[in-house]
Structure formats: C-alpha cells, structure tokens
Amino acid sequence: MNRRQFMKASVIGGGAALGVGGGTFLLIEEVDKSELTITAALKQLESLPLSELTSSGQWNVSQIFMHCAQSIEYSMSQFPEHKSSFFKNTVGKLAFSAFSSKGKMTHSLNEPIPGAPLLTSNTDVNVALNRLKQSFIDFDNFQGPIAPHFAYGKLTKLEFVQAHVMHLNNHLQEINI
C-alpha cells in the first residue's frame, strides 16, 4: 500500500470510528455516575435473589458472573490478547470516553474476552458469584500496576473501577429476577 492509499484508508477508517463512536454516545442514556463504585457493585450483587435468577442471553447467570470476574482479574495481571495499538488509541479510547461520560456501557453481551478460557456452563451460581465478589474486593485492595485493557488501553485504577462496574451493569441487563 502506498502512502496515498494508507492516508485515504486512515481517514475513512478514522471517520467511520468517529461516526460509530458518536452514534454510540448519542444512544447511551446517562446514569448516576456516583454509583460506579465497588461498594455499590458489591451491594447490588448481595441483593440478588440467586435462586430466582435466569438469563435472557446466550450465557447463563454463572457464565455472566465468571466473565465479569475474568475482566477484573485480568486488569490485575494482564489480558491474554489485545486489539492493535491503533485500535486502542482511537476506537478504544473513544468508546471508553463515551461510556465514561454517560456512566453506562453497551457491548456484545456474549462476546468472550479475547484469549480467555471458555466459560463453562455448569459452574454453580454461588461459586461464580463469590468469584465475582472476591475479584471486586481484590481489585479494591490491589496495589500493583494496572494492566492495560485489551480494547481501551491504559486506564487509571479509578477508570477501571468505572469500567468494571459499567461492564457488570451492562451484563446484569440480561439477568431476570
């Protein structure tokens, strides 16, 4: 690809990314961002009537809890696979900025974390919930370096708290009580 083709592709790709990001931003309803805390997430998880929960999505309730726990755990170690640096510095940053400003995330609810082990469907919901709660507690107490997100790139600990809680809230939309 010559320089001219590269520049043209970059402009078109960048415009498409901005269009998608801008459209996503407009579609997301703003929520109270003061509730994007680990304390609020744990309180919400504690209030769930486990025996009554069902999922309206492709994953069952325990898979949803384990997926959210995986994301939190990877932010303390490292995500197995990453999007390109270009993606993280353009589309990824734009998406996180839009989600953060609205206090709400929207994403494919049956898409695994790239490179993560498959989620088993037979894990007891109590075990999965306890793993999720413990991952939030561990992250709250974590003092080490925060791993870059596979799509958003480098985030501060506070930004990751917001991302993890928004991620959980998005997945809880598929859980029926």
C-alpha atoms as a PDB file:
ATOM      1  CA  MET A   1       0.000   0.000   0.000  1.00  0.00           C
ATOM      2  CA  ASN A   2       1.454   3.362  -0.935  1.00  0.00           C
ATOM      3  CA  ARG A   3       1.338   6.412   1.290  1.00  0.00           C
ATOM      4  CA  ARG A   4      -1.664   7.931  -0.501  1.00  0.00           C
ATOM      5  CA  GLN A   5      -3.701   4.724  -0.136  1.00  0.00           C
ATOM      6  CA  PHE A   6      -2.685   4.485   3.524  1.00  0.00           C
ATOM      7  CA  MET A   7      -3.748   8.086   4.215  1.00  0.00           C
ATOM      8  CA  LYS A   8      -7.062   7.583   2.427  1.00  0.00           C
ATOM      9  CA  ALA A   9      -7.746   4.365   4.354  1.00  0.00           C
ATOM     10  CA  SER A  10      -6.790   6.077   7.618  1.00  0.00           C
ATOM     11  CA  VAL A  11      -9.155   8.996   7.000  1.00  0.00           C
ATOM     12  CA  ILE A  12     -12.027   6.712   6.017  1.00  0.00           C
ATOM     13  CA  GLY A  13     -11.356   4.354   8.940  1.00  0.00           C
ATOM     14  CA  GLY A  14     -10.996   7.241  11.372  1.00  0.00           C
ATOM     15  CA  GLY A  15     -14.213   8.824  10.113  1.00  0.00           C
ATOM     16  CA  ALA A  16     -16.047   5.538  10.475  1.00  0.00           C
ATOM     17  CA  ALA A  17     -14.696   5.121  14.006  1.00  0.00           C
ATOM     18  CA  LEU A  18     -15.813   8.623  14.932  1.00  0.00           C
ATOM     19  CA  GLY A  19     -19.217   8.011  13.359  1.00  0.00           C
ATOM     20  CA  VAL A  20     -19.709   4.779  15.280  1.00  0.00           C
ATOM     21  CA  GLY A  21     -18.392   6.342  18.493  1.00  0.00           C
ATOM     22  CA  GLY A  22     -20.538   9.427  18.078  1.00  0.00           C
ATOM     23  CA  GLY A  23     -23.606   7.332  17.324  1.00  0.00           C
ATOM     24  CA  THR A  24     -22.945   5.138  20.340  1.00  0.00           C
ATOM     25  CA  PHE A  25     -22.541   8.221  22.521  1.00  0.00           C
ATOM     26  CA  LEU A  26     -25.920   9.599  21.463  1.00  0.00           C
ATOM     27  CA  LEU A  27     -27.719   6.294  22.059  1.00  0.00           C
ATOM     28  CA  ILE A  28     -26.458   5.757  25.598  1.00  0.00           C
ATOM     29  CA  GLU A  29     -28.738   7.121  28.297  1.00  0.00           C
ATOM     30  CA  GLU A  30     -26.817   8.880  31.046  1.00  0.00           C
ATOM     31  CA  VAL A  31     -26.914   7.360  34.532  1.00  0.00           C
ATOM     32  CA  ASP A  32     -25.798   8.453  38.008  1.00  0.00           C
ATOM     33  CA  LYS A  33     -22.012   8.046  37.872  1.00  0.00           C
ATOM     34  CA  SER A  34     -21.706   8.236  41.672  1.00  0.00           C
ATOM     35  CA  GLU A  35     -22.950   4.619  41.744  1.00  0.00           C
ATOM     36  CA  LEU A  36     -19.960   3.383  39.723  1.00  0.00           C
ATOM     37  CA  THR A  37     -18.111   2.138  42.782  1.00  0.00           C
ATOM     38  CA  ILE A  38     -17.007  -1.238  44.042  1.00  0.00           C
ATOM     39  CA  THR A  39     -19.124  -0.726  47.165  1.00  0.00           C
ATOM     40  CA  ALA A  40     -22.238  -0.128  45.044  1.00  0.00           C
ATOM     41  CA  ALA A  41     -21.462  -3.148  42.842  1.00  0.00           C
ATOM     42  CA  LEU A  42     -20.995  -5.436  45.850  1.00  0.00           C
ATOM     43  CA  LYS A  43     -24.204  -4.144  47.422  1.00  0.00           C
ATOM     44  CA  GLN A  44     -26.071  -4.829  44.189  1.00  0.00           C
ATOM     45  CA  LEU A  45     -24.622  -8.340  43.943  1.00  0.00           C
ATOM     46  CA  GLU A  46     -25.526  -9.070  47.580  1.00  0.00           C
ATOM     47  CA  SER A  47     -29.143  -8.116  46.911  1.00  0.00           C
ATOM     48  CA  LEU A  48     -29.634 -10.600  44.065  1.00  0.00           C
ATOM     49  CA  PRO A  49     -32.015 -13.483  44.880  1.00  0.00           C
ATOM     50  CA  LEU A  50     -29.776 -16.240  43.449  1.00  0.00           C
ATOM     51  CA  SER A  51     -32.418 -18.956  43.371  1.00  0.00           C
ATOM     52  CA  GLU A  52     -34.681 -16.785  41.197  1.00  0.00           C
ATOM     53  CA  LEU A  53     -32.138 -15.581  38.618  1.00  0.00           C
ATOM     54  CA  THR A  54     -32.340 -16.551  34.957  1.00  0.00           C
ATOM     55  CA  SER A  55     -30.580 -15.222  31.899  1.00  0.00           C
ATOM     56  CA  SER A  56     -32.252 -13.959  28.745  1.00  0.00           C
ATOM     57  CA  GLY A  57     -28.976 -14.153  26.823  1.00  0.00           C
ATOM     58  CA  GLN A  58     -26.729 -16.869  25.434  1.00  0.00           C
ATOM     59  CA  TRP A  59     -24.776 -17.214  28.679  1.00  0.00           C
ATOM     60  CA  ASN A  60     -26.313 -18.484  31.889  1.00  0.00           C
ATOM     61  CA  VAL A  61     -26.049 -16.483  35.110  1.00  0.00           C
ATOM     62  CA  SER A  62     -22.885 -18.211  36.339  1.00  0.00           C
ATOM     63  CA  GLN A  63     -21.150 -17.619  32.985  1.00  0.00           C
ATOM     64  CA  ILE A  64     -22.052 -13.923  33.188  1.00  0.00           C
ATOM     65  CA  PHE A  65     -20.605 -13.669  36.697  1.00  0.00           C
ATOM     66  CA  MET A  66     -17.436 -15.540  35.685  1.00  0.00           C
ATOM     67  CA  HIS A  67     -16.969 -13.366  32.584  1.00  0.00           C
ATOM     68  CA  CYS A  68     -17.180 -10.192  34.692  1.00  0.00           C
ATOM     69  CA  ALA A  69     -14.757 -11.710  37.229  1.00  0.00           C
ATOM     70  CA  GLN A  70     -12.305 -12.602  34.436  1.00  0.00           C
ATOM     71  CA  SER A  71     -12.217  -8.991  33.290  1.00  0.00           C
ATOM     72  CA  ILE A  72     -11.473  -7.720  36.781  1.00  0.00           C
ATOM     73  CA  GLU A  73      -8.821 -10.378  37.362  1.00  0.00           C
ATOM     74  CA  TYR A  74      -7.092  -9.611  34.054  1.00  0.00           C
ATOM     75  CA  SER A  75      -6.844  -5.940  34.961  1.00  0.00           C
ATOM     76  CA  MET A  76      -4.616  -7.014  37.859  1.00  0.00           C
ATOM     77  CA  SER A  77      -2.437  -9.325  35.772  1.00  0.00           C
ATOM     78  CA  GLN A  78      -2.774  -8.986  32.004  1.00  0.00           C
ATOM     79  CA  PHE A  79      -5.374  -9.581  29.348  1.00  0.00           C
ATOM     80  CA  PRO A  80      -4.477 -12.616  27.210  1.00  0.00           C
ATOM     81  CA  GLU A  81      -4.885 -10.843  23.855  1.00  0.00           C
ATOM     82  CA  HIS A  82      -5.086  -7.196  22.811  1.00  0.00           C
ATOM     83  CA  LYS A  83      -6.518  -5.174  19.987  1.00  0.00           C
ATOM     84  CA  SER A  84      -3.924  -3.266  17.969  1.00  0.00           C
ATOM     85  CA  SER A  85      -2.321  -0.141  19.422  1.00  0.00           C
ATOM     86  CA  PHE A  86      -4.045   1.819  16.669  1.00  0.00           C
ATOM     87  CA  PHE A  87      -7.436   0.451  17.747  1.00  0.00           C
ATOM     88  CA  LYS A  88      -6.784   1.101  21.444  1.00  0.00           C
ATOM     89  CA  ASN A  89      -5.632   4.663  20.751  1.00  0.00           C
ATOM     90  CA  THR A  90      -8.592   5.526  18.509  1.00  0.00           C
ATOM     91  CA  VAL A  91     -11.766   3.459  18.689  1.00  0.00           C
ATOM     92  CA  GLY A  92     -10.973   2.074  22.144  1.00  0.00           C
ATOM     93  CA  LYS A  93     -10.260   5.468  23.714  1.00  0.00           C
ATOM     94  CA  LEU A  94     -13.321   6.953  22.041  1.00  0.00           C
ATOM     95  CA  ALA A  95     -15.573   4.138  23.223  1.00  0.00           C
ATOM     96  CA  PHE A  96     -14.337   4.304  26.825  1.00  0.00           C
ATOM     97  CA  SER A  97     -14.663   8.089  26.804  1.00  0.00           C
ATOM     98  CA  ALA A  98     -18.269   7.828  25.609  1.00  0.00           C
ATOM     99  CA  PHE A  99     -19.126   5.148  28.166  1.00  0.00           C
ATOM    100  CA  SER A 100     -17.393   7.001  30.990  1.00  0.00           C
ATOM    101  CA  SER A 101     -19.095  10.299  30.236  1.00  0.00           C
ATOM    102  CA  LYS A 102     -22.515   8.626  30.292  1.00  0.00           C
ATOM    103  CA  GLY A 103     -21.747   6.253  33.159  1.00  0.00           C
ATOM    104  CA  LYS A 104     -23.079   3.360  31.124  1.00  0.00           C
ATOM    105  CA  MET A 105     -21.584   0.780  28.771  1.00  0.00           C
ATOM    106  CA  THR A 106     -23.115  -1.135  25.942  1.00  0.00           C
ATOM    107  CA  HIS A 107     -21.347  -4.022  24.229  1.00  0.00           C
ATOM    108  CA  SER A 108     -21.924  -7.507  22.828  1.00  0.00           C
ATOM    109  CA  LEU A 109     -23.068  -9.496  25.840  1.00  0.00           C
ATOM    110  CA  ASN A 110     -21.983 -12.902  24.564  1.00  0.00           C
ATOM    111  CA  GLU A 111     -18.509 -11.977  23.338  1.00  0.00           C
ATOM    112  CA  PRO A 112     -15.751 -13.545  25.439  1.00  0.00           C
ATOM    113  CA  ILE A 113     -12.624 -11.665  26.440  1.00  0.00           C
ATOM    114  CA  PRO A 114     -10.162 -12.340  23.599  1.00  0.00           C
ATOM    115  CA  GLY A 115      -7.924 -15.273  24.500  1.00  0.00           C
ATOM    116  CA  ALA A 116      -9.733 -16.028  27.772  1.00  0.00           C
ATOM    117  CA  PRO A 117     -10.624 -19.637  28.621  1.00  0.00           C
ATOM    118  CA  LEU A 118     -14.126 -20.661  27.623  1.00  0.00           C
ATOM    119  CA  LEU A 119     -16.756 -20.190  30.292  1.00  0.00           C
ATOM    120  CA  THR A 120     -18.195 -23.480  31.485  1.00  0.00           C
ATOM    121  CA  SER A 121     -21.958 -23.606  31.723  1.00  0.00           C
ATOM    122  CA  ASN A 122     -22.111 -25.980  34.691  1.00  0.00           C
ATOM    123  CA  THR A 123     -20.460 -23.817  37.374  1.00  0.00           C
ATOM    124  CA  ASP A 124     -22.643 -23.350  40.432  1.00  0.00           C
ATOM    125  CA  VAL A 125     -24.067 -19.819  40.507  1.00  0.00           C
ATOM    126  CA  ASN A 126     -22.954 -19.357  44.144  1.00  0.00           C
ATOM    127  CA  VAL A 127     -19.361 -20.234  43.220  1.00  0.00           C
ATOM    128  CA  ALA A 128     -19.448 -17.837  40.254  1.00  0.00           C
ATOM    129  CA  LEU A 129     -20.988 -15.030  42.321  1.00  0.00           C
ATOM    130  CA  ASN A 130     -18.409 -15.483  45.080  1.00  0.00           C
ATOM    131  CA  ARG A 131     -15.608 -15.355  42.499  1.00  0.00           C
ATOM    132  CA  LEU A 132     -17.025 -12.100  41.113  1.00  0.00           C
ATOM    133  CA  LYS A 133     -17.405 -10.510  44.546  1.00  0.00           C
ATOM    134  CA  GLN A 134     -13.891 -11.599  45.532  1.00  0.00           C
ATOM    135  CA  SER A 135     -12.449 -10.170  42.310  1.00  0.00           C
ATOM    136  CA  PHE A 136     -14.017  -6.782  43.124  1.00  0.00           C
ATOM    137  CA  ILE A 137     -12.585  -6.936  46.666  1.00  0.00           C
ATOM    138  CA  ASP A 138      -9.168  -7.983  45.359  1.00  0.00           C
ATOM    139  CA  PHE A 139      -9.161  -5.152  42.828  1.00  0.00           C
ATOM    140  CA  ASP A 140     -10.162  -2.649  45.511  1.00  0.00           C
ATOM    141  CA  ASN A 141      -7.178  -3.763  47.602  1.00  0.00           C
ATOM    142  CA  PHE A 142      -4.788  -4.129  44.666  1.00  0.00           C
ATOM    143  CA  GLN A 143      -1.623  -2.017  44.947  1.00  0.00           C
ATOM    144  CA  GLY A 144       0.321  -3.281  41.928  1.00  0.00           C
ATOM    145  CA  PRO A 145       0.494  -1.963  38.383  1.00  0.00           C
ATOM    146  CA  ILE A 146      -2.802  -1.988  36.494  1.00  0.00           C
ATOM    147  CA  ALA A 147      -2.678  -3.920  33.220  1.00  0.00           C
ATOM    148  CA  PRO A 148      -3.799  -2.126  30.055  1.00  0.00           C
ATOM    149  CA  HIS A 149      -7.302  -3.070  28.878  1.00  0.00           C
ATOM    150  CA  PHE A 150      -7.382  -5.178  25.728  1.00  0.00           C
ATOM    151  CA  ALA A 151      -9.540  -2.619  23.880  1.00  0.00           C
ATOM    152  CA  TYR A 152      -9.342   0.647  25.865  1.00  0.00           C
ATOM    153  CA  GLY A 153      -5.595   0.624  26.542  1.00  0.00           C
ATOM    154  CA  LYS A 154      -4.180   2.251  29.668  1.00  0.00           C
ATOM    155  CA  LEU A 155      -6.733   3.206  32.299  1.00  0.00           C
ATOM    156  CA  THR A 156      -6.244   4.524  35.799  1.00  0.00           C
ATOM    157  CA  LYS A 157      -7.460   2.442  38.716  1.00  0.00           C
ATOM    158  CA  LEU A 158     -10.492   4.727  39.093  1.00  0.00           C
ATOM    159  CA  GLU A 159     -11.276   4.420  35.379  1.00  0.00           C
ATOM    160  CA  PHE A 160     -11.021   0.643  35.680  1.00  0.00           C
ATOM    161  CA  VAL A 161     -13.408   0.672  38.652  1.00  0.00           C
ATOM    162  CA  GLN A 162     -15.888   2.567  36.492  1.00  0.00           C
ATOM    163  CA  ALA A 163     -15.285   0.215  33.548  1.00  0.00           C
ATOM    164  CA  HIS A 164     -15.767  -2.900  35.696  1.00  0.00           C
ATOM    165  CA  VAL A 165     -18.973  -1.621  37.279  1.00  0.00           C
ATOM    166  CA  MET A 166     -20.366  -0.422  33.930  1.00  0.00           C
ATOM    167  CA  HIS A 167     -19.436  -3.831  32.470  1.00  0.00           C
ATOM    168  CA  LEU A 168     -21.281  -5.622  35.281  1.00  0.00           C
ATOM    169  CA  ASN A 169     -24.306  -3.335  34.938  1.00  0.00           C
ATOM    170  CA  ASN A 170     -24.464  -3.981  31.198  1.00  0.00           C
ATOM    171  CA  HIS A 171     -24.423  -7.762  31.785  1.00  0.00           C
ATOM    172  CA  LEU A 172     -26.998  -7.532  34.585  1.00  0.00           C
ATOM    173  CA  GLN A 173     -29.464  -6.288  31.952  1.00  0.00           C
ATOM    174  CA  GLU A 174     -29.653  -9.905  30.738  1.00  0.00           C
ATOM    175  CA  ILE A 175     -30.342 -11.316  34.180  1.00  0.00           C
ATOM    176  CA  ASN A 176     -34.003 -11.695  35.043  1.00  0.00           C
ATOM    177  CA  ILE A 177     -35.162 -11.731  38.636  1.00  0.00           C
END
